[in-house]
């Protein structure tokens, strides 16, 4: 292996770590009224995109599907909020 190269994909490699990314995105949204809401939602979206990528790499199909569904639901909610509804 080349120096500095890691065989593991970037990001969490277990369901609990993916869930932590999702929870962090929830915190960005929860506290958005105390900050610039658009910035907080953008941060939440980036966090959810990281969670989706990490979830897609999980080898446990049930966990992968469940966490992917959680990410999708939250992204859909952000899309609704961004559309003003």
PDB file of N, CA and C in Angstrom:
ATOM      1  N   UNK A   1       0.850  -1.179   0.000  1.00  0.00           N
ATOM      2  CA  UNK A   1       0.000   0.000   0.000  1.00  0.00           C
ATOM      3  C   UNK A   1       0.890   1.234   0.000  1.00  0.00           C
ATOM      4  N   UNK A   2       0.470   2.266  -0.696  1.00  0.00           N
ATOM      5  CA  UNK A   2       1.220   3.509  -0.762  1.00  0.00           C
ATOM      6  C   UNK A   2       1.144   4.235   0.575  1.00  0.00           C
ATOM      7  N   UNK A   3       2.199   4.942   0.903  1.00  0.00           N
ATOM      8  CA  UNK A   3       2.209   5.725   2.134  1.00  0.00           C
ATOM      9  C   UNK A   3       1.085   6.748   2.094  1.00  0.00           C
ATOM     10  N   UNK A   4       0.377   6.849   3.195  1.00  0.00           N
ATOM     11  CA  UNK A   4      -0.716   7.812   3.283  1.00  0.00           C
ATOM     12  C   UNK A   4      -2.022   7.319   2.698  1.00  0.00           C
ATOM     13  N   UNK A   5      -2.009   6.149   2.088  1.00  0.00           N
ATOM     14  CA  UNK A   5      -3.235   5.592   1.510  1.00  0.00           C
ATOM     15  C   UNK A   5      -3.863   4.647   2.527  1.00  0.00           C
ATOM     16  N   UNK A   6      -5.137   4.708   2.675  1.00  0.00           N
ATOM     17  CA  UNK A   6      -5.861   3.861   3.616  1.00  0.00           C
ATOM     18  C   UNK A   6      -6.825   3.003   2.816  1.00  0.00           C
ATOM     19  N   UNK A   7      -6.880   1.727   3.119  1.00  0.00           N
ATOM     20  CA  UNK A   7      -7.742   0.808   2.378  1.00  0.00           C
ATOM     21  C   UNK A   7      -9.213   1.022   2.705  1.00  0.00           C
ATOM     22  N   UNK A   8      -9.507   1.609   3.858  1.00  0.00           N
ATOM     23  CA  UNK A   8     -10.899   1.825   4.244  1.00  0.00           C
ATOM     24  C   UNK A   8     -11.458   3.055   3.545  1.00  0.00           C
ATOM     25  N   UNK A   9     -12.752   3.030   3.219  1.00  0.00           N
ATOM     26  CA  UNK A   9     -13.358   4.229   2.649  1.00  0.00           C
ATOM     27  C   UNK A   9     -13.426   5.326   3.701  1.00  0.00           C
ATOM     28  N   UNK A  10     -13.470   6.562   3.252  1.00  0.00           N
ATOM     29  CA  UNK A  10     -13.588   7.668   4.191  1.00  0.00           C
ATOM     30  C   UNK A  10     -14.955   7.620   4.846  1.00  0.00           C
ATOM     31  N   UNK A  11     -15.006   8.099   6.083  1.00  0.00           N
ATOM     32  CA  UNK A  11     -16.262   8.160   6.794  1.00  0.00           C
ATOM     33  C   UNK A  11     -16.466   6.968   7.697  1.00  0.00           C
ATOM     34  N   UNK A  12     -17.557   6.993   8.431  1.00  0.00           N
ATOM     35  CA  UNK A  12     -17.826   5.934   9.396  1.00  0.00           C
ATOM     36  C   UNK A  12     -18.043   4.595   8.710  1.00  0.00           C
ATOM     37  N   UNK A  13     -17.692   3.543   9.400  1.00  0.00           N
ATOM     38  CA  UNK A  13     -17.874   2.215   8.821  1.00  0.00           C
ATOM     39  C   UNK A  13     -18.783   1.345   9.679  1.00  0.00           C
ATOM     40  N   UNK A  14     -19.553   1.965  10.550  1.00  0.00           N
ATOM     41  CA  UNK A  14     -20.507   1.199  11.329  1.00  0.00           C
ATOM     42  C   UNK A  14     -21.797   1.999  11.480  1.00  0.00           C
ATOM     43  N   UNK A  15     -22.921   1.303  11.677  1.00  0.00           N
ATOM     44  CA  UNK A  15     -24.215   1.994  11.737  1.00  0.00           C
ATOM     45  C   UNK A  15     -24.288   3.079  12.806  1.00  0.00           C
ATOM     46  N   UNK A  16     -23.693   2.859  13.967  1.00  0.00           N
ATOM     47  CA  UNK A  16     -23.748   3.867  15.037  1.00  0.00           C
ATOM     48  C   UNK A  16     -23.064   5.160  14.611  1.00  0.00           C
ATOM     49  N   UNK A  17     -21.976   5.047  13.895  1.00  0.00           N
ATOM     50  CA  UNK A  17     -21.267   6.240  13.436  1.00  0.00           C
ATOM     51  C   UNK A  17     -22.090   6.987  12.389  1.00  0.00           C
ATOM     52  N   UNK A  18     -22.780   6.254  11.528  1.00  0.00           N
ATOM     53  CA  UNK A  18     -23.655   6.895  10.537  1.00  0.00           C
ATOM     54  C   UNK A  18     -24.790   7.608  11.263  1.00  0.00           C
ATOM     55  N   UNK A  19     -25.359   6.941  12.260  1.00  0.00           N
ATOM     56  CA  UNK A  19     -26.445   7.552  13.033  1.00  0.00           C
ATOM     57  C   UNK A  19     -25.956   8.831  13.700  1.00  0.00           C
ATOM     58  N   UNK A  20     -24.715   8.867  14.172  1.00  0.00           N
ATOM     59  CA  UNK A  20     -24.162  10.079  14.774  1.00  0.00           C
ATOM     60  C   UNK A  20     -24.118  11.231  13.765  1.00  0.00           C
ATOM     61  N   UNK A  21     -23.799  10.936  12.520  1.00  0.00           N
ATOM     62  CA  UNK A  21     -23.809  11.972  11.478  1.00  0.00           C
ATOM     63  C   UNK A  21     -25.221  12.513  11.277  1.00  0.00           C
ATOM     64  N   UNK A  22     -26.197  11.622  11.266  1.00  0.00           N
ATOM     65  CA  UNK A  22     -27.600  12.032  11.101  1.00  0.00           C
ATOM     66  C   UNK A  22     -28.031  12.890  12.283  1.00  0.00           C
ATOM     67  N   UNK A  23     -27.668  12.463  13.478  1.00  0.00           N
ATOM     68  CA  UNK A  23     -28.030  13.207  14.682  1.00  0.00           C
ATOM     69  C   UNK A  23     -27.398  14.603  14.662  1.00  0.00           C
ATOM     70  N   UNK A  24     -26.177  14.698  14.181  1.00  0.00           N
ATOM     71  CA  UNK A  24     -25.515  15.992  14.090  1.00  0.00           C
ATOM     72  C   UNK A  24     -26.261  16.912  13.111  1.00  0.00           C
ATOM     73  N   UNK A  25     -26.721  16.357  12.019  1.00  0.00           N
ATOM     74  CA  UNK A  25     -27.517  17.145  11.069  1.00  0.00           C
ATOM     75  C   UNK A  25     -28.797  17.640  11.734  1.00  0.00           C
ATOM     76  N   UNK A  26     -29.432  16.784  12.534  1.00  0.00           N
ATOM     77  CA  UNK A  26     -30.630  17.193  13.265  1.00  0.00           C
ATOM     78  C   UNK A  26     -30.338  18.378  14.185  1.00  0.00           C
ATOM     79  N   UNK A  27     -29.154  18.375  14.805  1.00  0.00           N
ATOM     80  CA  UNK A  27     -28.786  19.474  15.694  1.00  0.00           C
ATOM     81  C   UNK A  27     -28.613  20.783  14.926  1.00  0.00           C
ATOM     82  N   UNK A  28     -28.049  20.707  13.725  1.00  0.00           N
ATOM     83  CA  UNK A  28     -27.929  21.919  12.908  1.00  0.00           C
ATOM     84  C   UNK A  28     -29.310  22.518  12.658  1.00  0.00           C
ATOM     85  N   UNK A  29     -30.272  21.671  12.324  1.00  0.00           N
ATOM     86  CA  UNK A  29     -31.629  22.153  12.043  1.00  0.00           C
ATOM     87  C   UNK A  29     -32.289  22.666  13.323  1.00  0.00           C
ATOM     88  N   UNK A  30     -32.154  21.915  14.395  1.00  0.00           N
ATOM     89  CA  UNK A  30     -32.788  22.270  15.664  1.00  0.00           C
ATOM     90  C   UNK A  30     -32.367  23.660  16.141  1.00  0.00           C
ATOM     91  N   UNK A  31     -31.086  23.946  16.024  1.00  0.00           N
ATOM     92  CA  UNK A  31     -30.582  25.218  16.525  1.00  0.00           C
ATOM     93  C   UNK A  31     -30.519  26.301  15.462  1.00  0.00           C
ATOM     94  N   UNK A  32     -31.052  26.051  14.277  1.00  0.00           N
ATOM     95  CA  UNK A  32     -30.988  27.045  13.201  1.00  0.00           C
ATOM     96  C   UNK A  32     -31.675  28.365  13.550  1.00  0.00           C
ATOM     97  N   UNK A  33     -32.759  28.382  14.357  1.00  0.00           N
ATOM     98  CA  UNK A  33     -33.359  29.683  14.689  1.00  0.00           C
ATOM     99  C   UNK A  33     -32.415  30.599  15.473  1.00  0.00           C
ATOM    100  N   UNK A  34     -31.425  29.995  16.130  1.00  0.00           N
ATOM    101  CA  UNK A  34     -30.473  30.797  16.908  1.00  0.00           C
ATOM    102  C   UNK A  34     -29.323  31.322  16.056  1.00  0.00           C
ATOM    103  N   UNK A  35     -29.278  30.943  14.793  1.00  0.00           N
ATOM    104  CA  UNK A  35     -28.205  31.344  13.893  1.00  0.00           C
ATOM    105  C   UNK A  35     -28.825  31.728  12.563  1.00  0.00           C
ATOM    106  N   UNK A  36     -28.013  31.796  11.536  1.00  0.00           N
ATOM    107  CA  UNK A  36     -28.540  32.039  10.193  1.00  0.00           C
ATOM    108  C   UNK A  36     -29.172  30.735   9.714  1.00  0.00           C
ATOM    109  N   UNK A  37     -30.512  30.684   9.586  1.00  0.00           N
ATOM    110  CA  UNK A  37     -31.177  29.430   9.229  1.00  0.00           C
ATOM    111  C   UNK A  37     -30.696  28.820   7.917  1.00  0.00           C
ATOM    112  N   UNK A  38     -30.434  29.635   6.910  1.00  0.00           N
ATOM    113  CA  UNK A  38     -29.985  29.092   5.619  1.00  0.00           C
ATOM    114  C   UNK A  38     -28.623  28.419   5.755  1.00  0.00           C
ATOM    115  N   UNK A  39     -27.739  29.021   6.518  1.00  0.00           N
ATOM    116  CA  UNK A  39     -26.420  28.428   6.740  1.00  0.00           C
ATOM    117  C   UNK A  39     -26.551  27.121   7.507  1.00  0.00           C
ATOM    118  N   UNK A  40     -27.380  27.117   8.533  1.00  0.00           N
ATOM    119  CA  UNK A  40     -27.567  25.901   9.338  1.00  0.00           C
ATOM    120  C   UNK A  40     -28.160  24.774   8.499  1.00  0.00           C
ATOM    121  N   UNK A  41     -29.133  25.097   7.636  1.00  0.00           N
ATOM    122  CA  UNK A  41     -29.718  24.057   6.777  1.00  0.00           C
ATOM    123  C   UNK A  41     -28.697  23.539   5.769  1.00  0.00           C
ATOM    124  N   UNK A  42     -27.848  24.422   5.261  1.00  0.00           N
ATOM    125  CA  UNK A  42     -26.794  23.985   4.332  1.00  0.00           C
ATOM    126  C   UNK A  42     -25.816  23.056   5.041  1.00  0.00           C
ATOM    127  N   UNK A  43     -25.476  23.379   6.280  1.00  0.00           N
ATOM    128  CA  UNK A  43     -24.590  22.506   7.052  1.00  0.00           C
ATOM    129  C   UNK A  43     -25.261  21.157   7.308  1.00  0.00           C
ATOM    130  N   UNK A  44     -26.539  21.179   7.612  1.00  0.00           N
ATOM    131  CA  UNK A  44     -27.280  19.933   7.835  1.00  0.00           C
ATOM    132  C   UNK A  44     -27.301  19.094   6.559  1.00  0.00           C
ATOM    133  N   UNK A  45     -27.518  19.748   5.436  1.00  0.00           N
ATOM    134  CA  UNK A  45     -27.548  19.024   4.159  1.00  0.00           C
ATOM    135  C   UNK A  45     -26.192  18.368   3.877  1.00  0.00           C
ATOM    136  N   UNK A  46     -25.112  19.099   4.095  1.00  0.00           N
ATOM    137  CA  UNK A  46     -23.775  18.506   3.886  1.00  0.00           C
ATOM    138  C   UNK A  46     -23.553  17.318   4.815  1.00  0.00           C
ATOM    139  N   UNK A  47     -23.994  17.453   6.058  1.00  0.00           N
ATOM    140  CA  UNK A  47     -23.840  16.358   7.021  1.00  0.00           C
ATOM    141  C   UNK A  47     -24.656  15.140   6.569  1.00  0.00           C
ATOM    142  N   UNK A  48     -25.856  15.372   6.074  1.00  0.00           N
ATOM    143  CA  UNK A  48     -26.693  14.271   5.601  1.00  0.00           C
ATOM    144  C   UNK A  48     -26.110  13.627   4.352  1.00  0.00           C
ATOM    145  N   UNK A  49     -25.495  14.412   3.501  1.00  0.00           N
ATOM    146  CA  UNK A  49     -24.834  13.833   2.320  1.00  0.00           C
ATOM    147  C   UNK A  49     -23.676  12.931   2.744  1.00  0.00           C
ATOM    148  N   UNK A  50     -22.928  13.351   3.753  1.00  0.00           N
ATOM    149  CA  UNK A  50     -21.861  12.496   4.298  1.00  0.00           C
ATOM    150  C   UNK A  50     -22.455  11.217   4.880  1.00  0.00           C
ATOM    151  N   UNK A  51     -23.567  11.347   5.591  1.00  0.00           N
ATOM    152  CA  UNK A  51     -24.221  10.180   6.187  1.00  0.00           C
ATOM    153  C   UNK A  51     -24.720   9.225   5.100  1.00  0.00           C
ATOM    154  N   UNK A  52     -25.269   9.770   4.023  1.00  0.00           N
ATOM    155  CA  UNK A  52     -25.756   8.922   2.929  1.00  0.00           C
ATOM    156  C   UNK A  52     -24.608   8.152   2.294  1.00  0.00           C
ATOM    157  N   UNK A  53     -23.495   8.824   2.091  1.00  0.00           N
ATOM    158  CA  UNK A  53     -22.330   8.166   1.510  1.00  0.00           C
ATOM    159  C   UNK A  53     -21.821   7.061   2.438  1.00  0.00           C
ATOM    160  N   UNK A  54     -21.754   7.363   3.726  1.00  0.00           N
ATOM    161  CA  UNK A  54     -21.278   6.376   4.690  1.00  0.00           C
ATOM    162  C   UNK A  54     -22.254   5.211   4.797  1.00  0.00           C
ATOM    163  N   UNK A  55     -23.548   5.504   4.777  1.00  0.00           N
ATOM    164  CA  UNK A  55     -24.552   4.438   4.868  1.00  0.00           C
ATOM    165  C   UNK A  55     -24.466   3.509   3.661  1.00  0.00           C
ATOM    166  N   UNK A  56     -24.209   4.071   2.491  1.00  0.00           N
ATOM    167  CA  UNK A  56     -24.149   3.238   1.288  1.00  0.00           C
ATOM    168  C   UNK A  56     -22.979   2.253   1.330  1.00  0.00           C
ATOM    169  N   UNK A  57     -21.983   2.533   2.167  1.00  0.00           N
ATOM    170  CA  UNK A  57     -20.816   1.658   2.275  1.00  0.00           C
ATOM    171  C   UNK A  57     -20.983   0.570   3.338  1.00  0.00           C
ATOM    172  N   UNK A  58     -22.073   0.619   4.099  1.00  0.00           N
ATOM    173  CA  UNK A  58     -22.275  -0.380   5.149  1.00  0.00           C
ATOM    174  C   UNK A  58     -22.507  -1.756   4.534  1.00  0.00           C
ATOM    175  N   UNK A  59     -21.955  -2.759   5.168  1.00  0.00           N
ATOM    176  CA  UNK A  59     -22.135  -4.130   4.670  1.00  0.00           C
ATOM    177  C   UNK A  59     -23.411  -4.764   5.195  1.00  0.00           C
ATOM    178  N   UNK A  60     -23.948  -4.268   6.296  1.00  0.00           N
ATOM    179  CA  UNK A  60     -25.202  -4.777   6.856  1.00  0.00           C
ATOM    180  C   UNK A  60     -26.353  -4.152   6.054  1.00  0.00           C
ATOM    181  N   UNK A  61     -26.993  -4.959   5.229  1.00  0.00           N
ATOM    182  CA  UNK A  61     -28.029  -4.441   4.322  1.00  0.00           C
ATOM    183  C   UNK A  61     -29.202  -3.820   5.069  1.00  0.00           C
ATOM    184  N   UNK A  62     -29.618  -4.427   6.178  1.00  0.00           N
ATOM    185  CA  UNK A  62     -30.744  -3.871   6.938  1.00  0.00           C
ATOM    186  C   UNK A  62     -30.393  -2.493   7.493  1.00  0.00           C
ATOM    187  N   UNK A  63     -29.206  -2.369   8.071  1.00  0.00           N
ATOM    188  CA  UNK A  63     -28.769  -1.078   8.612  1.00  0.00           C
ATOM    189  C   UNK A  63     -28.615  -0.073   7.483  1.00  0.00           C
ATOM    190  N   UNK A  64     -28.033  -0.500   6.380  1.00  0.00           N
ATOM    191  CA  UNK A  64     -27.839   0.388   5.223  1.00  0.00           C
ATOM    192  C   UNK A  64     -29.185   0.934   4.753  1.00  0.00           C
ATOM    193  N   UNK A  65     -30.169   0.059   4.604  1.00  0.00           N
ATOM    194  CA  UNK A  65     -31.482   0.490   4.120  1.00  0.00           C
ATOM    195  C   UNK A  65     -32.187   1.412   5.115  1.00  0.00           C
ATOM    196  N   UNK A  66     -32.120   1.059   6.400  1.00  0.00           N
ATOM    197  CA  UNK A  66     -32.790   1.864   7.424  1.00  0.00           C
ATOM    198  C   UNK A  66     -32.164   3.248   7.536  1.00  0.00           C
ATOM    199  N   UNK A  67     -30.852   3.303   7.549  1.00  0.00           N
ATOM    200  CA  UNK A  67     -30.182   4.597   7.681  1.00  0.00           C
ATOM    201  C   UNK A  67     -30.333   5.441   6.423  1.00  0.00           C
ATOM    202  N   UNK A  68     -30.316   4.804   5.270  1.00  0.00           N
ATOM    203  CA  UNK A  68     -30.540   5.527   4.022  1.00  0.00           C
ATOM    204  C   UNK A  68     -31.940   6.136   4.007  1.00  0.00           C
ATOM    205  N   UNK A  69     -32.928   5.404   4.521  1.00  0.00           N
ATOM    206  CA  UNK A  69     -34.297   5.927   4.598  1.00  0.00           C
ATOM    207  C   UNK A  69     -34.366   7.124   5.546  1.00  0.00           C
ATOM    208  N   UNK A  70     -33.647   7.069   6.654  1.00  0.00           N
ATOM    209  CA  UNK A  70     -33.622   8.198   7.591  1.00  0.00           C
ATOM    210  C   UNK A  70     -32.998   9.436   6.941  1.00  0.00           C
ATOM    211  N   UNK A  71     -31.914   9.230   6.223  1.00  0.00           N
ATOM    212  CA  UNK A  71     -31.263  10.342   5.529  1.00  0.00           C
ATOM    213  C   UNK A  71     -32.208  10.936   4.492  1.00  0.00           C
ATOM    214  N   UNK A  72     -32.840  10.087   3.691  1.00  0.00           N
ATOM    215  CA  UNK A  72     -33.750  10.554   2.644  1.00  0.00           C
ATOM    216  C   UNK A  72     -34.892  11.368   3.248  1.00  0.00           C
ATOM    217  N   UNK A  73     -35.464  10.890   4.367  1.00  0.00           N
ATOM    218  CA  UNK A  73     -36.572  11.605   5.012  1.00  0.00           C
ATOM    219  C   UNK A  73     -36.126  13.002   5.433  1.00  0.00           C
ATOM    220  N   UNK A  74     -34.948  13.094   6.009  1.00  0.00           N
ATOM    221  CA  UNK A  74     -34.462  14.396   6.477  1.00  0.00           C
ATOM    222  C   UNK A  74     -34.129  15.325   5.298  1.00  0.00           C
ATOM    223  N   UNK A  75     -33.550  14.771   4.236  1.00  0.00           N
ATOM    224  CA  UNK A  75     -33.287  15.597   3.058  1.00  0.00           C
ATOM    225  C   UNK A  75     -34.594  16.093   2.442  1.00  0.00           C
ATOM    226  N   UNK A  76     -35.608  15.228   2.407  1.00  0.00           N
ATOM    227  CA  UNK A  76     -36.916  15.652   1.904  1.00  0.00           C
ATOM    228  C   UNK A  76     -37.489  16.778   2.755  1.00  0.00           C
ATOM    229  N   UNK A  77     -37.342  16.670   4.084  1.00  0.00           N
ATOM    230  CA  UNK A  77     -37.820  17.718   4.971  1.00  0.00           C
ATOM    231  C   UNK A  77     -37.087  19.036   4.720  1.00  0.00           C
ATOM    232  N   UNK A  78     -35.783  18.961   4.491  1.00  0.00           N
ATOM    233  CA  UNK A  78     -35.034  20.172   4.180  1.00  0.00           C
ATOM    234  C   UNK A  78     -35.506  20.780   2.858  1.00  0.00           C
ATOM    235  N   UNK A  79     -35.794  19.923   1.876  1.00  0.00           N
ATOM    236  CA  UNK A  79     -36.289  20.416   0.585  1.00  0.00           C
ATOM    237  C   UNK A  79     -37.622  21.142   0.763  1.00  0.00           C
ATOM    238  N   UNK A  80     -38.493  20.600   1.594  1.00  0.00           N
ATOM    239  CA  UNK A  80     -39.792  21.242   1.856  1.00  0.00           C
ATOM    240  C   UNK A  80     -39.588  22.579   2.543  1.00  0.00           C
ATOM    241  N   UNK A  81     -38.715  22.602   3.560  1.00  0.00           N
ATOM    242  CA  UNK A  81     -38.435  23.859   4.262  1.00  0.00           C
ATOM    243  C   UNK A  81     -37.844  24.897   3.323  1.00  0.00           C
ATOM    244  N   UNK A  82     -36.917  24.468   2.458  1.00  0.00           N
ATOM    245  CA  UNK A  82     -36.287  25.398   1.535  1.00  0.00           C
ATOM    246  C   UNK A  82     -37.276  25.935   0.494  1.00  0.00           C
ATOM    247  N   UNK A  83     -38.308  25.152   0.203  1.00  0.00           N
ATOM    248  CA  UNK A  83     -39.316  25.577  -0.755  1.00  0.00           C
ATOM    249  C   UNK A  83     -40.362  26.490  -0.111  1.00  0.00           C
ATOM    250  N   UNK A  84     -40.234  26.652   1.207  1.00  0.00           N
ATOM    251  CA  UNK A  84     -41.144  27.559   1.895  1.00  0.00           C
ATOM    252  C   UNK A  84     -42.420  26.913   2.374  1.00  0.00           C
ATOM    253  N   UNK A  85     -42.411  25.582   2.473  1.00  0.00           N
ATOM    254  CA  UNK A  85     -43.658  24.944   2.875  1.00  0.00           C
ATOM    255  C   UNK A  85     -43.496  24.117   4.033  1.00  0.00           C
TER     256      UNK A  85
END
